[in-house]
N, C-alpha and C. Protein backbone atom coordinates (compact mmCIF):
# COMPACT_ATOMS: atom_id res chain seq x y z
N ASP A 1 13.48 13.39 -42.37
CA ASP A 1 14.66 14.06 -42.92
C ASP A 1 15.90 13.59 -42.34
N CYS A 2 16.61 12.78 -42.95
CA CYS A 2 17.87 12.26 -42.41
C CYS A 2 19.06 12.81 -43.38
N TYR A 3 20.12 13.21 -42.80
CA TYR A 3 21.27 13.70 -43.50
C TYR A 3 22.34 12.69 -43.72
N ASN A 4 22.37 11.56 -42.95
CA ASN A 4 23.39 10.55 -43.09
C ASN A 4 22.84 9.15 -42.67
N GLU A 5 23.72 8.09 -42.79
CA GLU A 5 23.22 6.77 -42.39
C GLU A 5 23.01 6.73 -40.85
N SER A 6 23.80 7.38 -40.09
CA SER A 6 23.65 7.38 -38.62
C SER A 6 22.23 7.81 -38.24
N GLU A 7 21.84 8.93 -38.88
CA GLU A 7 20.50 9.50 -38.61
C GLU A 7 19.39 8.50 -39.12
N GLU A 8 19.66 7.84 -40.24
CA GLU A 8 18.64 6.80 -40.77
C GLU A 8 18.58 5.66 -39.75
N ALA A 9 19.71 5.20 -39.28
CA ALA A 9 19.73 4.06 -38.23
C ALA A 9 18.90 4.54 -36.99
N THR A 10 19.21 5.72 -36.52
CA THR A 10 18.52 6.20 -35.40
C THR A 10 16.99 6.27 -35.62
N GLY A 11 16.54 6.71 -36.80
CA GLY A 11 15.13 6.85 -37.02
C GLY A 11 14.50 5.44 -37.04
N LEU A 12 15.13 4.46 -37.68
CA LEU A 12 14.58 3.08 -37.76
C LEU A 12 14.61 2.53 -36.30
N TYR A 13 15.63 2.73 -35.52
CA TYR A 13 15.68 2.29 -34.11
C TYR A 13 14.53 2.80 -33.35
N THR A 14 14.16 4.11 -33.55
CA THR A 14 13.07 4.69 -32.84
C THR A 14 11.78 4.07 -33.27
N MET A 15 11.60 3.82 -34.49
CA MET A 15 10.40 3.17 -34.97
C MET A 15 10.15 1.73 -34.46
N ILE A 16 11.28 1.08 -34.36
CA ILE A 16 11.22 -0.33 -33.83
C ILE A 16 10.91 -0.24 -32.33
N ASP A 17 11.57 0.68 -31.63
CA ASP A 17 11.40 0.74 -30.20
C ASP A 17 9.90 1.15 -29.92
N ASP A 18 9.40 2.02 -30.67
CA ASP A 18 8.02 2.48 -30.43
C ASP A 18 7.00 1.49 -30.79
N ASN A 19 7.24 0.48 -31.65
CA ASN A 19 6.24 -0.37 -32.16
C ASN A 19 6.40 -1.78 -31.80
N LEU A 20 7.63 -2.30 -31.49
CA LEU A 20 7.81 -3.70 -31.15
C LEU A 20 7.40 -4.04 -29.82
N THR A 21 6.65 -5.08 -29.56
CA THR A 21 6.11 -5.50 -28.30
C THR A 21 7.25 -6.36 -27.54
N PHE A 22 7.62 -5.91 -26.40
CA PHE A 22 8.59 -6.62 -25.53
C PHE A 22 7.91 -7.09 -24.27
N PRO A 23 8.33 -8.11 -23.61
CA PRO A 23 9.27 -9.13 -24.11
C PRO A 23 8.60 -10.15 -25.02
N PHE A 24 9.36 -10.92 -25.72
CA PHE A 24 9.03 -11.98 -26.57
C PHE A 24 10.05 -13.12 -26.49
N LEU A 25 9.60 -14.29 -26.83
CA LEU A 25 10.52 -15.45 -26.87
C LEU A 25 10.95 -15.86 -28.28
N THR A 26 12.12 -16.29 -28.43
CA THR A 26 12.65 -16.71 -29.70
C THR A 26 13.80 -17.77 -29.32
N HIS A 27 14.35 -18.33 -30.35
CA HIS A 27 15.48 -19.32 -30.15
C HIS A 27 16.82 -18.85 -30.79
N LEU A 28 17.82 -18.90 -30.06
CA LEU A 28 19.21 -18.65 -30.51
C LEU A 28 20.05 -19.89 -30.26
N LEU A 29 20.60 -20.46 -31.37
CA LEU A 29 21.43 -21.67 -31.18
C LEU A 29 20.74 -22.75 -30.39
N ASP A 30 19.52 -22.98 -30.72
CA ASP A 30 18.65 -24.02 -30.17
C ASP A 30 18.37 -23.80 -28.63
N THR A 31 18.44 -22.56 -28.16
CA THR A 31 18.21 -22.21 -26.84
C THR A 31 17.15 -21.20 -26.79
N GLU A 32 16.01 -21.45 -26.03
CA GLU A 32 15.07 -20.40 -26.02
C GLU A 32 15.56 -19.24 -25.09
N VAL A 33 15.29 -18.00 -25.61
CA VAL A 33 15.68 -16.72 -24.96
C VAL A 33 14.60 -15.81 -24.97
N GLU A 34 14.62 -14.93 -23.96
CA GLU A 34 13.55 -13.84 -23.93
C GLU A 34 14.22 -12.53 -24.40
N VAL A 35 13.63 -11.99 -25.37
CA VAL A 35 14.12 -10.66 -25.91
C VAL A 35 13.50 -9.59 -25.05
N GLU A 36 14.38 -8.84 -24.32
CA GLU A 36 13.90 -7.92 -23.33
C GLU A 36 13.81 -6.48 -23.82
N GLY A 37 14.71 -6.10 -24.69
CA GLY A 37 14.83 -4.70 -25.08
C GLY A 37 15.68 -4.46 -26.21
N LEU A 38 15.81 -3.19 -26.63
CA LEU A 38 16.47 -2.74 -27.75
C LEU A 38 17.49 -1.60 -27.42
N ASP A 39 18.50 -1.55 -28.32
CA ASP A 39 19.53 -0.48 -28.04
C ASP A 39 20.24 -0.24 -29.39
N LEU A 40 20.97 0.83 -29.51
CA LEU A 40 21.90 1.11 -30.57
C LEU A 40 23.35 0.94 -30.00
N ASN A 41 24.23 0.21 -30.76
CA ASN A 41 25.56 0.07 -30.31
C ASN A 41 26.37 1.20 -30.81
N ASP A 42 27.70 1.14 -30.50
CA ASP A 42 28.57 2.25 -30.93
C ASP A 42 28.73 2.47 -32.43
N ALA A 43 28.40 1.34 -33.18
CA ALA A 43 28.50 1.34 -34.65
C ALA A 43 27.20 1.71 -35.25
N ASP A 44 26.24 2.24 -34.40
CA ASP A 44 24.90 2.56 -34.90
C ASP A 44 24.21 1.41 -35.46
N GLU A 45 24.37 0.24 -34.92
CA GLU A 45 23.59 -0.93 -35.29
C GLU A 45 22.56 -1.20 -34.13
N VAL A 46 21.29 -1.64 -34.59
CA VAL A 46 20.26 -1.99 -33.70
C VAL A 46 20.55 -3.29 -33.10
N VAL A 47 20.50 -3.44 -31.77
CA VAL A 47 20.84 -4.70 -31.12
C VAL A 47 19.68 -4.88 -30.06
N VAL A 48 19.42 -6.19 -29.74
CA VAL A 48 18.48 -6.59 -28.77
C VAL A 48 19.19 -7.12 -27.57
N THR A 49 18.57 -7.09 -26.43
CA THR A 49 19.09 -7.68 -25.25
C THR A 49 18.33 -9.01 -25.10
N CYS A 50 18.99 -10.13 -25.08
CA CYS A 50 18.35 -11.46 -24.84
C CYS A 50 18.76 -12.02 -23.53
N ARG A 51 17.82 -12.66 -22.85
CA ARG A 51 18.03 -13.21 -21.57
C ARG A 51 17.71 -14.66 -21.55
N GLN A 52 18.59 -15.50 -20.95
CA GLN A 52 18.38 -16.89 -20.71
C GLN A 52 18.76 -17.12 -19.27
N GLY A 53 17.71 -17.29 -18.34
CA GLY A 53 18.13 -17.43 -16.90
C GLY A 53 18.62 -16.08 -16.48
N VAL A 54 19.84 -16.12 -15.85
CA VAL A 54 20.49 -14.86 -15.29
C VAL A 54 21.45 -14.33 -16.33
N SER A 55 21.67 -15.00 -17.47
CA SER A 55 22.60 -14.52 -18.45
C SER A 55 21.88 -13.58 -19.54
N ARG A 56 22.65 -12.61 -19.80
CA ARG A 56 22.17 -11.54 -20.81
C ARG A 56 23.14 -11.35 -21.90
N GLN A 57 22.70 -11.22 -23.12
CA GLN A 57 23.61 -11.02 -24.20
C GLN A 57 22.98 -10.03 -25.30
N ARG A 58 23.70 -9.20 -25.81
CA ARG A 58 23.27 -8.28 -26.83
C ARG A 58 23.53 -8.94 -28.17
N VAL A 59 22.50 -8.99 -29.08
CA VAL A 59 22.57 -9.63 -30.30
C VAL A 59 22.11 -8.68 -31.44
N PRO A 60 22.90 -8.52 -32.53
CA PRO A 60 22.47 -7.68 -33.58
C PRO A 60 21.00 -8.13 -34.04
N ILE A 61 20.12 -7.15 -34.27
CA ILE A 61 18.80 -7.52 -34.65
C ILE A 61 18.82 -8.15 -36.04
N LEU A 62 19.77 -7.92 -36.82
CA LEU A 62 19.95 -8.61 -38.17
C LEU A 62 20.08 -10.06 -37.99
N ASP A 63 20.61 -10.58 -36.84
CA ASP A 63 20.87 -11.99 -36.60
C ASP A 63 19.82 -12.64 -35.81
N LEU A 64 18.78 -11.91 -35.46
CA LEU A 64 17.74 -12.47 -34.55
C LEU A 64 16.68 -13.20 -35.32
N PRO A 65 16.47 -14.43 -35.05
CA PRO A 65 15.39 -15.21 -35.74
C PRO A 65 14.04 -14.76 -35.07
N LEU A 66 13.06 -14.48 -35.87
CA LEU A 66 11.75 -14.09 -35.35
C LEU A 66 10.93 -15.37 -35.10
N PRO A 67 10.21 -15.35 -34.02
CA PRO A 67 9.40 -16.52 -33.66
C PRO A 67 8.14 -16.52 -34.45
N SER A 68 7.47 -17.63 -34.48
CA SER A 68 6.23 -17.81 -35.21
C SER A 68 5.11 -17.98 -34.15
N PRO A 69 4.16 -17.19 -34.11
CA PRO A 69 3.95 -16.00 -34.90
C PRO A 69 4.95 -14.86 -34.31
N PRO A 70 5.29 -13.88 -35.14
CA PRO A 70 6.13 -12.84 -34.73
C PRO A 70 5.50 -11.89 -33.74
N PRO A 71 6.22 -11.17 -32.94
CA PRO A 71 5.68 -10.19 -32.03
C PRO A 71 5.08 -8.91 -32.83
N GLU A 72 4.21 -8.41 -32.18
CA GLU A 72 3.57 -7.13 -32.74
C GLU A 72 4.64 -6.10 -33.02
N GLY A 73 4.63 -5.56 -34.21
CA GLY A 73 5.61 -4.52 -34.58
C GLY A 73 6.85 -5.06 -35.35
N TRP A 74 6.71 -6.40 -35.62
CA TRP A 74 7.88 -7.12 -36.32
C TRP A 74 8.19 -6.47 -37.66
N GLU A 75 7.18 -5.77 -38.27
CA GLU A 75 7.42 -5.27 -39.55
C GLU A 75 8.54 -4.25 -39.57
N TRP A 76 8.70 -3.60 -38.45
CA TRP A 76 9.86 -2.60 -38.35
C TRP A 76 11.19 -3.24 -38.38
N ILE A 77 11.27 -4.50 -37.76
CA ILE A 77 12.52 -5.21 -37.88
C ILE A 77 12.79 -5.56 -39.39
N GLU A 78 11.83 -5.89 -40.11
CA GLU A 78 11.98 -6.27 -41.53
C GLU A 78 12.35 -5.00 -42.37
N ALA A 79 11.77 -3.85 -41.93
CA ALA A 79 12.14 -2.56 -42.54
C ALA A 79 13.63 -2.24 -42.39
N TYR A 80 14.06 -2.52 -41.10
CA TYR A 80 15.48 -2.26 -40.82
C TYR A 80 16.39 -3.17 -41.61
N ARG A 81 15.99 -4.47 -41.69
CA ARG A 81 16.79 -5.40 -42.42
C ARG A 81 16.84 -5.01 -43.94
N TYR A 82 15.77 -4.56 -44.47
CA TYR A 82 15.73 -4.11 -45.83
C TYR A 82 16.73 -2.97 -46.07
N TRP A 83 16.63 -1.99 -45.11
CA TRP A 83 17.51 -0.77 -45.13
C TRP A 83 19.02 -1.21 -45.15
N ALA A 84 19.27 -2.20 -44.21
CA ALA A 84 20.71 -2.56 -43.93
C ALA A 84 21.20 -3.31 -45.19
N ARG A 85 20.36 -4.14 -45.84
CA ARG A 85 20.82 -4.77 -47.08
C ARG A 85 21.25 -3.71 -48.18
N GLY A 86 20.54 -2.75 -48.26
CA GLY A 86 20.87 -1.65 -49.18
C GLY A 86 22.20 -0.90 -48.94
N ARG A 87 22.70 -0.98 -47.71
CA ARG A 87 23.93 -0.33 -47.37
C ARG A 87 25.17 -1.15 -47.67
N ARG A 88 25.01 -2.39 -47.94
CA ARG A 88 26.16 -3.37 -48.15
C ARG A 88 26.61 -3.30 -49.57
């Protein structure tokens, strides 16, 4: 039971966090990165923390390419992407 988009985003964030297996590897701009964790930013967007060496960067999960094979729980990323497309 969600009363607004913020609560919907928080609910999807919780499902991703509960079901997605961390860490996993993927590529951003032709660079392999380790996806370490998940967070909500101030705009209620789901973001992941990516690490390459000692550098860390937060990336919107909407922009994250999934590796092949995808990590366990990837279906919740797709559910969030589907939900986000409906908001635009």
